Amino acid sequence: MRKVIIDCDPGIDDTLALMLAIKSPEIEVVAITTVCGNVPVTIGSQNVFKCLKRCGRLDIPVYQGQTQPLKQPFISAQDTHGMDGLGETNFAQVQEKQIEEKSAVDFLAEYFSKETNTSIIALGPLTNIARALMKNPHLGKHFERFISMGGTYKSHGNCSPVAEYNYWCDPDAAAFVFENLGNTIEMVGLDVTREIVLTPTLLEYCCQLNPEEGEFLKAITRFYFDFHWQQERILGCVINDPLAVAYFIDESICQGFTSYTAVETQGISRGQTLVDRFDFWQKAPNSTIMTEVDTHLFFRKFLTVLLNAQEETIKKDLEKLKMG
């Protein structure tokens, strides 16, 4: 089992990603850190508790992180995820779990003060990572892999014409991490995550195969479905964050190329990832940009884990549903 720390801002798709990570036998979630993003950080932390309780893993420590971006005013994505971050489901608060006393930034800076066999999957704005890197400049050299769900190469943005939300929310943090991490950033951006659409057919399939889990998925994604239809005329919802976790588990799910990448921090291009694929700047690559995704393999793995099903069953069913 490979060890991982997940930095997140739950969020509907963050919650799905957490469930995938926690339930996957290939990885061990050492800790979860929360950051302001889709929702204010206190709401995000409570949503992590709800997820952990549902998965029977309240033992996993949760460290609360930054309440504001480095420089920009905080603008949440509650229009996308609901005021509670879980599609206005308003599930009961979890009383039997508490935030760890240490802050997420201090935890990350100290945990990676020496070389470890642990990776980071960052599913939200990179504010915690940037702050931890400022405290511990060697942080990037002391983990195995760094996966970031964020950015976009050729696909259009989801909160501006050119920017993906996580990097738009805190462009200064993203720019700092790309420039100073000292390790390859594996960028799972909109070029690949836009291909991961949970459709009404797939959602109904989940309800048929595992009614309890299916109804939970239906409850938290209803708001997300409505947003995607109104905003982009997509019948279904794009579930970005689970792809980052699935790719960490199985690298064959996504393919891409290495490049130097910078992040714009100002003006109408705020949050844009400038990917120097053709080496104009002649700088050493700092990132791997994902551009291709095996959608069918993703859903096979994702649904197998979330629905507690046999992978061969999922594979055969997806073929019948014209998904394989």
C-alpha atoms as a PDB file:
ATOM      1  CA  MET A   1       0.000   0.000   0.000  1.00  0.00           C
ATOM      2  CA  ARG A   2       1.301   3.423  -1.006  1.00  0.00           C
ATOM      3  CA  LYS A   3       0.942   6.187   1.554  1.00  0.00           C
ATOM      4  CA  VAL A   4      -0.769   9.439   0.613  1.00  0.00           C
ATOM      5  CA  ILE A   5      -1.891  12.697   2.205  1.00  0.00           C
ATOM      6  CA  ILE A   6      -4.925  14.301   0.572  1.00  0.00           C
ATOM      7  CA  ASP A   7      -5.265  18.093   0.608  1.00  0.00           C
ATOM      8  CA  CYS A   8      -8.838  19.029  -0.300  1.00  0.00           C
ATOM      9  CA  ASP A   9     -11.772  21.449  -0.176  1.00  0.00           C
ATOM     10  CA  PRO A  10     -14.908  19.239  -0.118  1.00  0.00           C
ATOM     11  CA  GLY A  11     -16.976  19.843  -2.358  1.00  0.00           C
ATOM     12  CA  ILE A  12     -19.048  17.196  -4.085  1.00  0.00           C
ATOM     13  CA  ASP A  13     -16.357  15.737  -6.308  1.00  0.00           C
ATOM     14  CA  ASP A  14     -13.740  15.994  -3.523  1.00  0.00           C
ATOM     15  CA  THR A  15     -16.017  13.808  -1.413  1.00  0.00           C
ATOM     16  CA  LEU A  16     -16.240  11.233  -4.198  1.00  0.00           C
ATOM     17  CA  ALA A  17     -12.445  11.345  -4.507  1.00  0.00           C
ATOM     18  CA  LEU A  18     -12.018  10.847  -0.758  1.00  0.00           C
ATOM     19  CA  MET A  19     -14.357   7.848  -0.838  1.00  0.00           C
ATOM     20  CA  LEU A  20     -12.357   6.351  -3.710  1.00  0.00           C
ATOM     21  CA  ALA A  21      -9.065   6.881  -1.891  1.00  0.00           C
ATOM     22  CA  ILE A  22     -10.253   5.610   1.489  1.00  0.00           C
ATOM     23  CA  LYS A  23     -11.875   2.480   0.044  1.00  0.00           C
ATOM     24  CA  SER A  24      -9.112   1.603  -2.438  1.00  0.00           C
ATOM     25  CA  PRO A  25      -6.946  -1.273  -1.196  1.00  0.00           C
ATOM     26  CA  GLU A  26      -3.874  -0.002  -3.063  1.00  0.00           C
ATOM     27  CA  ILE A  27      -3.331   3.125  -0.941  1.00  0.00           C
ATOM     28  CA  GLU A  28      -3.215   4.186   2.687  1.00  0.00           C
ATOM     29  CA  VAL A  29      -4.589   7.641   3.483  1.00  0.00           C
ATOM     30  CA  VAL A  30      -2.211   8.844   6.200  1.00  0.00           C
ATOM     31  CA  ALA A  31      -3.992  12.146   6.808  1.00  0.00           C
ATOM     32  CA  ILE A  32      -6.376  14.636   5.236  1.00  0.00           C
ATOM     33  CA  THR A  33      -5.756  18.388   5.190  1.00  0.00           C
ATOM     34  CA  THR A  34      -8.427  20.942   4.344  1.00  0.00           C
ATOM     35  CA  VAL A  35      -8.185  24.318   2.620  1.00  0.00           C
ATOM     36  CA  CYS A  36     -10.585  27.087   1.635  1.00  0.00           C
ATOM     37  CA  GLY A  37     -11.881  26.587  -1.884  1.00  0.00           C
ATOM     38  CA  ASN A  38     -15.196  25.109  -2.952  1.00  0.00           C
ATOM     39  CA  VAL A  39     -16.437  26.022   0.525  1.00  0.00           C
ATOM     40  CA  PRO A  40     -14.995  27.851   3.546  1.00  0.00           C
ATOM     41  CA  VAL A  41     -12.465  25.640   5.276  1.00  0.00           C
ATOM     42  CA  THR A  42     -14.598  24.943   8.369  1.00  0.00           C
ATOM     43  CA  ILE A  43     -17.399  23.578   6.180  1.00  0.00           C
ATOM     44  CA  GLY A  44     -14.863  21.551   4.188  1.00  0.00           C
ATOM     45  CA  SER A  45     -13.502  19.993   7.374  1.00  0.00           C
ATOM     46  CA  GLN A  46     -16.978  19.007   8.506  1.00  0.00           C
ATOM     47  CA  ASN A  47     -17.623  17.453   5.098  1.00  0.00           C
ATOM     48  CA  VAL A  48     -14.468  15.376   5.502  1.00  0.00           C
ATOM     49  CA  PHE A  49     -15.852  14.142   8.837  1.00  0.00           C
ATOM     50  CA  LYS A  50     -19.125  13.173   7.145  1.00  0.00           C
ATOM     51  CA  CYS A  51     -17.215  11.256   4.494  1.00  0.00           C
ATOM     52  CA  LEU A  52     -15.003   9.498   7.043  1.00  0.00           C
ATOM     53  CA  LYS A  53     -18.006   8.488   9.111  1.00  0.00           C
ATOM     54  CA  ARG A  54     -19.761   7.084   6.053  1.00  0.00           C
ATOM     55  CA  CYS A  55     -16.632   5.078   5.196  1.00  0.00           C
ATOM     56  CA  GLY A  56     -16.119   3.917   8.795  1.00  0.00           C
ATOM     57  CA  ARG A  57     -12.719   5.625   8.997  1.00  0.00           C
ATOM     58  CA  LEU A  58     -12.987   8.288  11.676  1.00  0.00           C
ATOM     59  CA  ASP A  59      -9.502   7.194  12.740  1.00  0.00           C
ATOM     60  CA  ILE A  60      -7.867   9.164   9.886  1.00  0.00           C
ATOM     61  CA  PRO A  61      -6.551  12.489  11.269  1.00  0.00           C
ATOM     62  CA  VAL A  62      -7.829  15.735   9.741  1.00  0.00           C
ATOM     63  CA  TYR A  63      -5.792  18.946   9.849  1.00  0.00           C
ATOM     64  CA  GLN A  64      -7.499  22.232   9.072  1.00  0.00           C
ATOM     65  CA  GLY A  65      -5.672  24.679   6.825  1.00  0.00           C
ATOM     66  CA  GLN A  66      -5.829  28.154   5.359  1.00  0.00           C
ATOM     67  CA  THR A  67      -9.002  30.233   5.499  1.00  0.00           C
ATOM     68  CA  GLN A  68      -7.904  32.707   2.807  1.00  0.00           C
ATOM     69  CA  PRO A  69      -5.814  32.624  -0.396  1.00  0.00           C
ATOM     70  CA  LEU A  70      -2.312  34.116  -0.235  1.00  0.00           C
ATOM     71  CA  LYS A  71      -3.283  37.504  -1.682  1.00  0.00           C
ATOM     72  CA  GLN A  72      -6.661  37.390  -3.403  1.00  0.00           C
ATOM     73  CA  PRO A  73     -10.005  37.765  -1.623  1.00  0.00           C
ATOM     74  CA  PHE A  74     -11.597  34.367  -1.069  1.00  0.00           C
ATOM     75  CA  ILE A  75     -14.394  33.463  -3.481  1.00  0.00           C
ATOM     76  CA  SER A  76     -15.932  30.052  -2.865  1.00  0.00           C
ATOM     77  CA  ALA A  77     -17.619  27.767  -5.408  1.00  0.00           C
ATOM     78  CA  GLN A  78     -20.779  27.298  -3.372  1.00  0.00           C
ATOM     79  CA  ASP A  79     -22.804  28.255  -6.442  1.00  0.00           C
ATOM     80  CA  THR A  80     -21.539  24.970  -7.891  1.00  0.00           C
ATOM     81  CA  HIS A  81     -21.531  22.734  -4.802  1.00  0.00           C
ATOM     82  CA  GLY A  82     -24.259  24.213  -2.622  1.00  0.00           C
ATOM     83  CA  MET A  83     -23.882  26.267   0.541  1.00  0.00           C
ATOM     84  CA  ASP A  84     -23.089  23.122   2.537  1.00  0.00           C
ATOM     85  CA  GLY A  85     -20.673  21.861  -0.154  1.00  0.00           C
ATOM     86  CA  LEU A  86     -22.635  18.635  -0.559  1.00  0.00           C
ATOM     87  CA  GLY A  87     -25.432  19.736  -2.845  1.00  0.00           C
ATOM     88  CA  GLU A  88     -27.678  21.206  -0.117  1.00  0.00           C
ATOM     89  CA  THR A  89     -28.157  17.768   1.432  1.00  0.00           C
ATOM     90  CA  ASN A  90     -27.541  19.207   4.911  1.00  0.00           C
ATOM     91  CA  PHE A  91     -26.456  15.895   6.396  1.00  0.00           C
ATOM     92  CA  ALA A  92     -26.120  15.888  10.190  1.00  0.00           C
ATOM     93  CA  GLN A  93     -22.913  17.267  11.662  1.00  0.00           C
ATOM     94  CA  VAL A  94     -20.424  14.711  12.996  1.00  0.00           C
ATOM     95  CA  GLN A  95     -19.910  15.270  16.714  1.00  0.00           C
ATOM     96  CA  GLU A  96     -17.560  12.383  17.483  1.00  0.00           C
ATOM     97  CA  LYS A  97     -14.627  13.686  15.404  1.00  0.00           C
ATOM     98  CA  GLN A  98     -12.384  16.691  16.052  1.00  0.00           C
ATOM     99  CA  ILE A  99      -9.837  18.640  14.029  1.00  0.00           C
ATOM    100  CA  GLU A 100      -6.232  17.950  15.057  1.00  0.00           C
ATOM    101  CA  GLU A 101      -4.653  20.737  17.116  1.00  0.00           C
ATOM    102  CA  LYS A 102      -1.786  21.272  14.667  1.00  0.00           C
ATOM    103  CA  SER A 103      -2.578  23.339  11.586  1.00  0.00           C
ATOM    104  CA  ALA A 104      -2.471  21.734   8.147  1.00  0.00           C
ATOM    105  CA  VAL A 105       0.465  23.945   7.158  1.00  0.00           C
ATOM    106  CA  ASP A 106       2.517  23.002  10.218  1.00  0.00           C
ATOM    107  CA  PHE A 107       1.632  19.337   9.798  1.00  0.00           C
ATOM    108  CA  LEU A 108       2.732  19.268   6.154  1.00  0.00           C
ATOM    109  CA  ALA A 109       5.915  21.241   6.796  1.00  0.00           C
ATOM    110  CA  GLU A 110       6.920  18.941   9.667  1.00  0.00           C
ATOM    111  CA  TYR A 111       5.810  15.657   8.073  1.00  0.00           C
ATOM    112  CA  PHE A 112       7.995  16.339   5.042  1.00  0.00           C
ATOM    113  CA  SER A 113      10.969  17.674   7.002  1.00  0.00           C
ATOM    114  CA  LYS A 114      12.775  14.498   5.945  1.00  0.00           C
ATOM    115  CA  GLU A 115      12.436  12.074   3.061  1.00  0.00           C
ATOM    116  CA  THR A 116       9.321   9.915   3.189  1.00  0.00           C
ATOM    117  CA  ASN A 117       7.583   7.283   1.098  1.00  0.00           C
ATOM    118  CA  THR A 118       4.394   9.384   1.118  1.00  0.00           C
ATOM    119  CA  SER A 119       2.776  11.280  -1.765  1.00  0.00           C
ATOM    120  CA  ILE A 120       0.400  14.257  -1.861  1.00  0.00           C
ATOM    121  CA  ILE A 121      -2.801  14.470  -3.850  1.00  0.00           C
ATOM    122  CA  ALA A 122      -3.961  18.104  -3.896  1.00  0.00           C
ATOM    123  CA  LEU A 123      -7.618  18.394  -4.879  1.00  0.00           C
ATOM    124  CA  GLY A 124      -8.157  22.086  -4.111  1.00  0.00           C
ATOM    125  CA  PRO A 125      -6.357  25.422  -4.269  1.00  0.00           C
ATOM    126  CA  LEU A 126      -2.661  25.090  -3.448  1.00  0.00           C
ATOM    127  CA  THR A 127      -2.696  27.532  -0.519  1.00  0.00           C
ATOM    128  CA  ASN A 128      -1.735  24.980   2.155  1.00  0.00           C
ATOM    129  CA  ILE A 129       1.017  23.570  -0.036  1.00  0.00           C
ATOM    130  CA  ALA A 130       2.462  27.018  -0.771  1.00  0.00           C
ATOM    131  CA  ARG A 131       2.454  28.009   2.914  1.00  0.00           C
ATOM    132  CA  ALA A 132       4.052  24.709   3.940  1.00  0.00           C
ATOM    133  CA  LEU A 133       6.676  25.118   1.212  1.00  0.00           C
ATOM    134  CA  MET A 134       7.486  28.597   2.522  1.00  0.00           C
ATOM    135  CA  LYS A 135       8.059  27.087   5.978  1.00  0.00           C
ATOM    136  CA  ASN A 136       9.966  24.090   4.620  1.00  0.00           C
ATOM    137  CA  PRO A 137      11.669  24.824   1.267  1.00  0.00           C
ATOM    138  CA  HIS A 138      12.765  21.158   1.049  1.00  0.00           C
ATOM    139  CA  LEU A 139       9.206  19.827   1.242  1.00  0.00           C
ATOM    140  CA  GLY A 140       9.055  19.006  -2.453  1.00  0.00           C
ATOM    141  CA  LYS A 141      12.171  16.857  -2.281  1.00  0.00           C
ATOM    142  CA  HIS A 142      10.800  14.740   0.554  1.00  0.00           C
ATOM    143  CA  PHE A 143       7.716  13.115  -0.975  1.00  0.00           C
ATOM    144  CA  GLU A 144       7.323  10.517  -3.701  1.00  0.00           C
ATOM    145  CA  ARG A 145       4.727  12.089  -6.015  1.00  0.00           C
ATOM    146  CA  PHE A 146       2.679  15.261  -6.180  1.00  0.00           C
ATOM    147  CA  ILE A 147      -0.663  15.091  -8.005  1.00  0.00           C
ATOM    148  CA  SER A 148      -2.608  18.317  -8.480  1.00  0.00           C
ATOM    149  CA  MET A 149      -6.166  18.437  -9.782  1.00  0.00           C
ATOM    150  CA  GLY A 150      -6.055  21.847 -11.381  1.00  0.00           C
ATOM    151  CA  GLY A 151      -5.244  23.923 -14.410  1.00  0.00           C
ATOM    152  CA  THR A 152      -5.962  23.464 -18.066  1.00  0.00           C
ATOM    153  CA  TYR A 153      -3.844  23.204 -21.211  1.00  0.00           C
ATOM    154  CA  LYS A 154      -6.104  23.384 -24.297  1.00  0.00           C
ATOM    155  CA  SER A 155      -9.540  23.028 -22.739  1.00  0.00           C
ATOM    156  CA  HIS A 156     -11.481  26.167 -21.810  1.00  0.00           C
ATOM    157  CA  GLY A 157     -11.720  27.135 -18.167  1.00  0.00           C
ATOM    158  CA  ASN A 158     -14.583  26.488 -15.765  1.00  0.00           C
ATOM    159  CA  CYS A 159     -14.618  29.839 -13.956  1.00  0.00           C
ATOM    160  CA  SER A 160     -13.130  32.085 -16.657  1.00  0.00           C
ATOM    161  CA  PRO A 161     -12.384  31.577 -20.358  1.00  0.00           C
ATOM    162  CA  VAL A 162      -8.870  30.357 -19.521  1.00  0.00           C
ATOM    163  CA  ALA A 163      -8.732  29.252 -15.877  1.00  0.00           C
ATOM    164  CA  GLU A 164      -9.702  26.227 -13.823  1.00  0.00           C
ATOM    165  CA  TYR A 165     -11.197  27.089 -10.411  1.00  0.00           C
ATOM    166  CA  ASN A 166      -8.521  25.729  -8.060  1.00  0.00           C
ATOM    167  CA  TYR A 167      -5.750  27.791  -9.639  1.00  0.00           C
ATOM    168  CA  TRP A 168      -8.051  30.778 -10.206  1.00  0.00           C
ATOM    169  CA  CYS A 169      -9.096  30.777  -6.531  1.00  0.00           C
ATOM    170  CA  ASP A 170      -5.480  31.188  -5.387  1.00  0.00           C
ATOM    171  CA  PRO A 171      -3.283  31.902  -8.422  1.00  0.00           C
ATOM    172  CA  ASP A 172      -0.408  33.176  -6.282  1.00  0.00           C
ATOM    173  CA  ALA A 173      -0.201  29.873  -4.396  1.00  0.00           C
ATOM    174  CA  ALA A 174      -0.306  27.880  -7.628  1.00  0.00           C
ATOM    175  CA  ALA A 175       2.375  30.084  -9.206  1.00  0.00           C
ATOM    176  CA  PHE A 176       4.604  29.739  -6.136  1.00  0.00           C
ATOM    177  CA  VAL A 177       4.260  25.950  -6.006  1.00  0.00           C
ATOM    178  CA  PHE A 178       4.976  25.475  -9.718  1.00  0.00           C
ATOM    179  CA  GLU A 179       8.042  27.687  -9.457  1.00  0.00           C
ATOM    180  CA  ASN A 180       9.476  26.417  -6.168  1.00  0.00           C
ATOM    181  CA  LEU A 181       8.321  22.876  -5.403  1.00  0.00           C
ATOM    182  CA  GLY A 182      11.445  21.226  -6.787  1.00  0.00           C
ATOM    183  CA  ASN A 183       9.562  18.094  -7.781  1.00  0.00           C
ATOM    184  CA  THR A 184       7.379  17.194 -10.740  1.00  0.00           C
ATOM    185  CA  ILE A 185       3.780  18.393 -10.510  1.00  0.00           C
ATOM    186  CA  GLU A 186       1.506  15.869 -12.181  1.00  0.00           C
ATOM    187  CA  MET A 187      -1.275  18.166 -13.408  1.00  0.00           C
ATOM    188  CA  VAL A 188      -4.613  16.447 -13.821  1.00  0.00           C
ATOM    189  CA  GLY A 189      -6.482  19.341 -15.391  1.00  0.00           C
ATOM    190  CA  LEU A 190      -9.642  20.058 -17.332  1.00  0.00           C
ATOM    191  CA  ASP A 191      -8.261  18.539 -20.537  1.00  0.00           C
ATOM    192  CA  VAL A 192      -8.824  15.119 -18.982  1.00  0.00           C
ATOM    193  CA  THR A 193     -11.329  15.711 -16.180  1.00  0.00           C
ATOM    194  CA  ARG A 194     -13.940  17.102 -18.589  1.00  0.00           C
ATOM    195  CA  GLU A 195     -14.113  13.588 -20.048  1.00  0.00           C
ATOM    196  CA  ILE A 196     -15.238  12.171 -16.692  1.00  0.00           C
ATOM    197  CA  VAL A 197     -18.980  12.771 -16.760  1.00  0.00           C
ATOM    198  CA  LEU A 198     -21.293  11.000 -14.347  1.00  0.00           C
ATOM    199  CA  THR A 199     -24.377  10.637 -16.565  1.00  0.00           C
ATOM    200  CA  PRO A 200     -27.992   9.946 -15.549  1.00  0.00           C
ATOM    201  CA  THR A 201     -27.582   6.438 -16.982  1.00  0.00           C
ATOM    202  CA  LEU A 202     -24.502   5.734 -14.873  1.00  0.00           C
ATOM    203  CA  LEU A 203     -26.177   7.177 -11.787  1.00  0.00           C
ATOM    204  CA  GLU A 204     -29.229   4.952 -12.269  1.00  0.00           C
ATOM    205  CA  TYR A 205     -26.903   1.983 -12.787  1.00  0.00           C
ATOM    206  CA  CYS A 206     -25.275   2.747  -9.418  1.00  0.00           C
ATOM    207  CA  CYS A 207     -28.715   2.743  -7.773  1.00  0.00           C
ATOM    208  CA  GLN A 208     -29.551  -0.607  -9.325  1.00  0.00           C
ATOM    209  CA  LEU A 209     -26.276  -2.303  -8.407  1.00  0.00           C
ATOM    210  CA  ASN A 210     -25.899  -0.878  -4.895  1.00  0.00           C
ATOM    211  CA  PRO A 211     -29.048   0.993  -3.802  1.00  0.00           C
ATOM    212  CA  GLU A 212     -27.547   2.457  -0.628  1.00  0.00           C
ATOM    213  CA  GLU A 213     -24.433   3.897  -2.272  1.00  0.00           C
ATOM    214  CA  GLY A 214     -26.383   4.816  -5.401  1.00  0.00           C
ATOM    215  CA  GLU A 215     -28.905   6.865  -3.454  1.00  0.00           C
ATOM    216  CA  PHE A 216     -26.086   8.659  -1.644  1.00  0.00           C
ATOM    217  CA  LEU A 217     -24.451   9.512  -4.978  1.00  0.00           C
ATOM    218  CA  LYS A 218     -27.800  10.697  -6.309  1.00  0.00           C
ATOM    219  CA  ALA A 219     -28.383  12.894  -3.256  1.00  0.00           C
ATOM    220  CA  ILE A 220     -25.064  14.735  -3.361  1.00  0.00           C
ATOM    221  CA  THR A 221     -24.891  15.106  -7.161  1.00  0.00           C
ATOM    222  CA  ARG A 222     -28.440  16.388  -7.848  1.00  0.00           C
ATOM    223  CA  PHE A 223     -27.358  19.999  -7.272  1.00  0.00           C
ATOM    224  CA  TYR A 224     -24.235  19.377  -9.356  1.00  0.00           C
ATOM    225  CA  PHE A 225     -26.336  17.951 -12.211  1.00  0.00           C
ATOM    226  CA  ASP A 226     -28.513  21.082 -12.224  1.00  0.00           C
ATOM    227  CA  PHE A 227     -25.493  23.392 -12.233  1.00  0.00           C
ATOM    228  CA  HIS A 228     -23.821  21.626 -15.148  1.00  0.00           C
ATOM    229  CA  TRP A 229     -27.013  21.730 -17.204  1.00  0.00           C
ATOM    230  CA  GLN A 230     -27.604  25.425 -16.554  1.00  0.00           C
ATOM    231  CA  GLN A 231     -23.952  26.415 -16.985  1.00  0.00           C
ATOM    232  CA  GLU A 232     -22.703  24.184 -19.826  1.00  0.00           C
ATOM    233  CA  ARG A 233     -25.724  22.209 -21.062  1.00  0.00           C
ATOM    234  CA  ILE A 234     -24.097  18.967 -19.894  1.00  0.00           C
ATOM    235  CA  LEU A 235     -26.586  16.225 -19.024  1.00  0.00           C
ATOM    236  CA  GLY A 236     -24.730  14.851 -16.022  1.00  0.00           C
ATOM    237  CA  CYS A 237     -21.889  16.264 -13.956  1.00  0.00           C
ATOM    238  CA  VAL A 238     -18.128  16.444 -14.402  1.00  0.00           C
ATOM    239  CA  ILE A 239     -16.453  14.738 -11.441  1.00  0.00           C
ATOM    240  CA  ASN A 240     -12.956  16.169 -11.607  1.00  0.00           C
ATOM    241  CA  ASP A 241     -11.284  15.113  -8.382  1.00  0.00           C
ATOM    242  CA  PRO A 242     -11.803  11.324  -8.445  1.00  0.00           C
ATOM    243  CA  LEU A 243      -9.715  11.193 -11.628  1.00  0.00           C
ATOM    244  CA  ALA A 244      -6.670  12.522  -9.751  1.00  0.00           C
ATOM    245  CA  VAL A 245      -7.001   9.720  -7.192  1.00  0.00           C
ATOM    246  CA  ALA A 246      -7.638   7.061  -9.836  1.00  0.00           C
ATOM    247  CA  TYR A 247      -4.601   8.224 -11.819  1.00  0.00           C
ATOM    248  CA  PHE A 248      -2.444   8.040  -8.691  1.00  0.00           C
ATOM    249  CA  ILE A 249      -3.546   4.431  -8.214  1.00  0.00           C
ATOM    250  CA  ASP A 250      -3.215   3.456 -11.887  1.00  0.00           C
ATOM    251  CA  GLU A 251      -1.028   5.696 -14.053  1.00  0.00           C
ATOM    252  CA  SER A 252      -2.271   4.021 -17.240  1.00  0.00           C
ATOM    253  CA  ILE A 253      -5.582   5.891 -16.849  1.00  0.00           C
ATOM    254  CA  CYS A 254      -3.993   9.186 -18.001  1.00  0.00           C
ATOM    255  CA  GLN A 255      -1.214  10.076 -20.424  1.00  0.00           C
ATOM    256  CA  GLY A 256       0.538  13.371 -21.058  1.00  0.00           C
ATOM    257  CA  PHE A 257       3.830  15.155 -21.609  1.00  0.00           C
ATOM    258  CA  THR A 258       6.455  16.936 -19.531  1.00  0.00           C
ATOM    259  CA  SER A 259       6.827  20.692 -19.748  1.00  0.00           C
ATOM    260  CA  TYR A 260       7.732  23.867 -17.914  1.00  0.00           C
ATOM    261  CA  THR A 261       4.505  25.462 -16.674  1.00  0.00           C
ATOM    262  CA  ALA A 262       3.817  28.842 -15.074  1.00  0.00           C
ATOM    263  CA  VAL A 263       0.610  30.262 -13.601  1.00  0.00           C
ATOM    264  CA  GLU A 264      -0.678  33.778 -14.326  1.00  0.00           C
ATOM    265  CA  THR A 265      -1.652  35.716 -11.208  1.00  0.00           C
ATOM    266  CA  GLN A 266      -3.148  38.962 -12.556  1.00  0.00           C
ATOM    267  CA  GLY A 267      -5.922  40.408 -14.685  1.00  0.00           C
ATOM    268  CA  ILE A 268      -8.311  38.615 -17.011  1.00  0.00           C
ATOM    269  CA  SER A 269      -5.872  35.679 -17.352  1.00  0.00           C
ATOM    270  CA  ARG A 270      -5.733  35.077 -13.584  1.00  0.00           C
ATOM    271  CA  GLY A 271      -5.175  31.391 -12.860  1.00  0.00           C
ATOM    272  CA  GLN A 272      -4.260  30.439 -16.431  1.00  0.00           C
ATOM    273  CA  THR A 273      -1.662  27.701 -16.739  1.00  0.00           C
ATOM    274  CA  LEU A 274       0.937  28.679 -19.344  1.00  0.00           C
ATOM    275  CA  VAL A 275       2.258  25.364 -20.605  1.00  0.00           C
ATOM    276  CA  ASP A 276       5.494  25.756 -22.594  1.00  0.00           C
ATOM    277  CA  ARG A 277       5.116  22.570 -24.592  1.00  0.00           C
ATOM    278  CA  PHE A 278       7.424  23.767 -27.388  1.00  0.00           C
ATOM    279  CA  ASP A 279      10.168  24.992 -25.035  1.00  0.00           C
ATOM    280  CA  PHE A 280      10.108  28.685 -25.950  1.00  0.00           C
ATOM    281  CA  TRP A 281      11.448  29.625 -22.529  1.00  0.00           C
ATOM    282  CA  GLN A 282      14.049  26.833 -22.452  1.00  0.00           C
ATOM    283  CA  LYS A 283      13.441  26.122 -18.789  1.00  0.00           C
ATOM    284  CA  ALA A 284      13.667  22.738 -17.107  1.00  0.00           C
ATOM    285  CA  PRO A 285      10.309  20.918 -16.984  1.00  0.00           C
ATOM    286  CA  ASN A 286       8.482  21.221 -13.677  1.00  0.00           C
ATOM    287  CA  SER A 287       5.285  19.390 -14.606  1.00  0.00           C
ATOM    288  CA  THR A 288       3.621  16.529 -16.409  1.00  0.00           C
ATOM    289  CA  ILE A 289       0.470  17.717 -18.168  1.00  0.00           C
ATOM    290  CA  MET A 290      -2.252  15.114 -18.643  1.00  0.00           C
ATOM    291  CA  THR A 291      -3.940  15.310 -22.046  1.00  0.00           C
ATOM    292  CA  GLU A 292      -5.440  11.845 -22.622  1.00  0.00           C
ATOM    293  CA  VAL A 293      -7.669   9.737 -20.407  1.00  0.00           C
ATOM    294  CA  ASP A 294      -9.121   6.242 -20.630  1.00  0.00           C
ATOM    295  CA  THR A 295     -12.655   7.114 -19.526  1.00  0.00           C
ATOM    296  CA  HIS A 296     -13.862   3.527 -19.548  1.00  0.00           C
ATOM    297  CA  LEU A 297     -10.984   2.295 -17.411  1.00  0.00           C
ATOM    298  CA  PHE A 298     -11.626   5.114 -14.961  1.00  0.00           C
ATOM    299  CA  PHE A 299     -15.303   4.286 -14.497  1.00  0.00           C
ATOM    300  CA  ARG A 300     -14.516   0.591 -14.231  1.00  0.00           C
ATOM    301  CA  LYS A 301     -12.119   1.242 -11.353  1.00  0.00           C
ATOM    302  CA  PHE A 302     -14.194   3.998  -9.754  1.00  0.00           C
ATOM    303  CA  LEU A 303     -17.487   2.116  -9.697  1.00  0.00           C
ATOM    304  CA  THR A 304     -15.857  -1.137  -8.596  1.00  0.00           C
ATOM    305  CA  VAL A 305     -14.584   0.580  -5.462  1.00  0.00           C
ATOM    306  CA  LEU A 306     -17.523   2.860  -4.682  1.00  0.00           C
ATOM    307  CA  LEU A 307     -20.174   0.211  -5.254  1.00  0.00           C
ATOM    308  CA  ASN A 308     -18.224  -2.616  -3.558  1.00  0.00           C
ATOM    309  CA  ALA A 309     -18.623  -4.662  -6.723  1.00  0.00           C
ATOM    310  CA  GLN A 310     -16.615  -7.141  -8.762  1.00  0.00           C
ATOM    311  CA  GLU A 311     -14.574  -5.403 -11.473  1.00  0.00           C
ATOM    312  CA  GLU A 312     -15.525  -8.016 -14.074  1.00  0.00           C
ATOM    313  CA  THR A 313     -19.194  -7.349 -13.373  1.00  0.00           C
ATOM    314  CA  ILE A 314     -18.701  -3.606 -13.784  1.00  0.00           C
ATOM    315  CA  LYS A 315     -16.747  -4.133 -17.001  1.00  0.00           C
ATOM    316  CA  LYS A 316     -19.465  -6.298 -18.567  1.00  0.00           C
ATOM    317  CA  ASP A 317     -22.226  -3.947 -17.484  1.00  0.00           C
ATOM    318  CA  LEU A 318     -20.443  -0.878 -18.849  1.00  0.00           C
ATOM    319  CA  GLU A 319     -20.067  -2.646 -22.177  1.00  0.00           C
ATOM    320  CA  LYS A 320     -23.834  -3.186 -22.258  1.00  0.00           C
ATOM    321  CA  LEU A 321     -24.340   0.477 -21.364  1.00  0.00           C
ATOM    322  CA  LYS A 322     -22.079   1.435 -24.288  1.00  0.00           C
ATOM    323  CA  MET A 323     -19.453   2.691 -21.827  1.00  0.00           C
ATOM    324  CA  GLY A 324     -16.789   0.101 -22.572  1.00  0.00           C
END
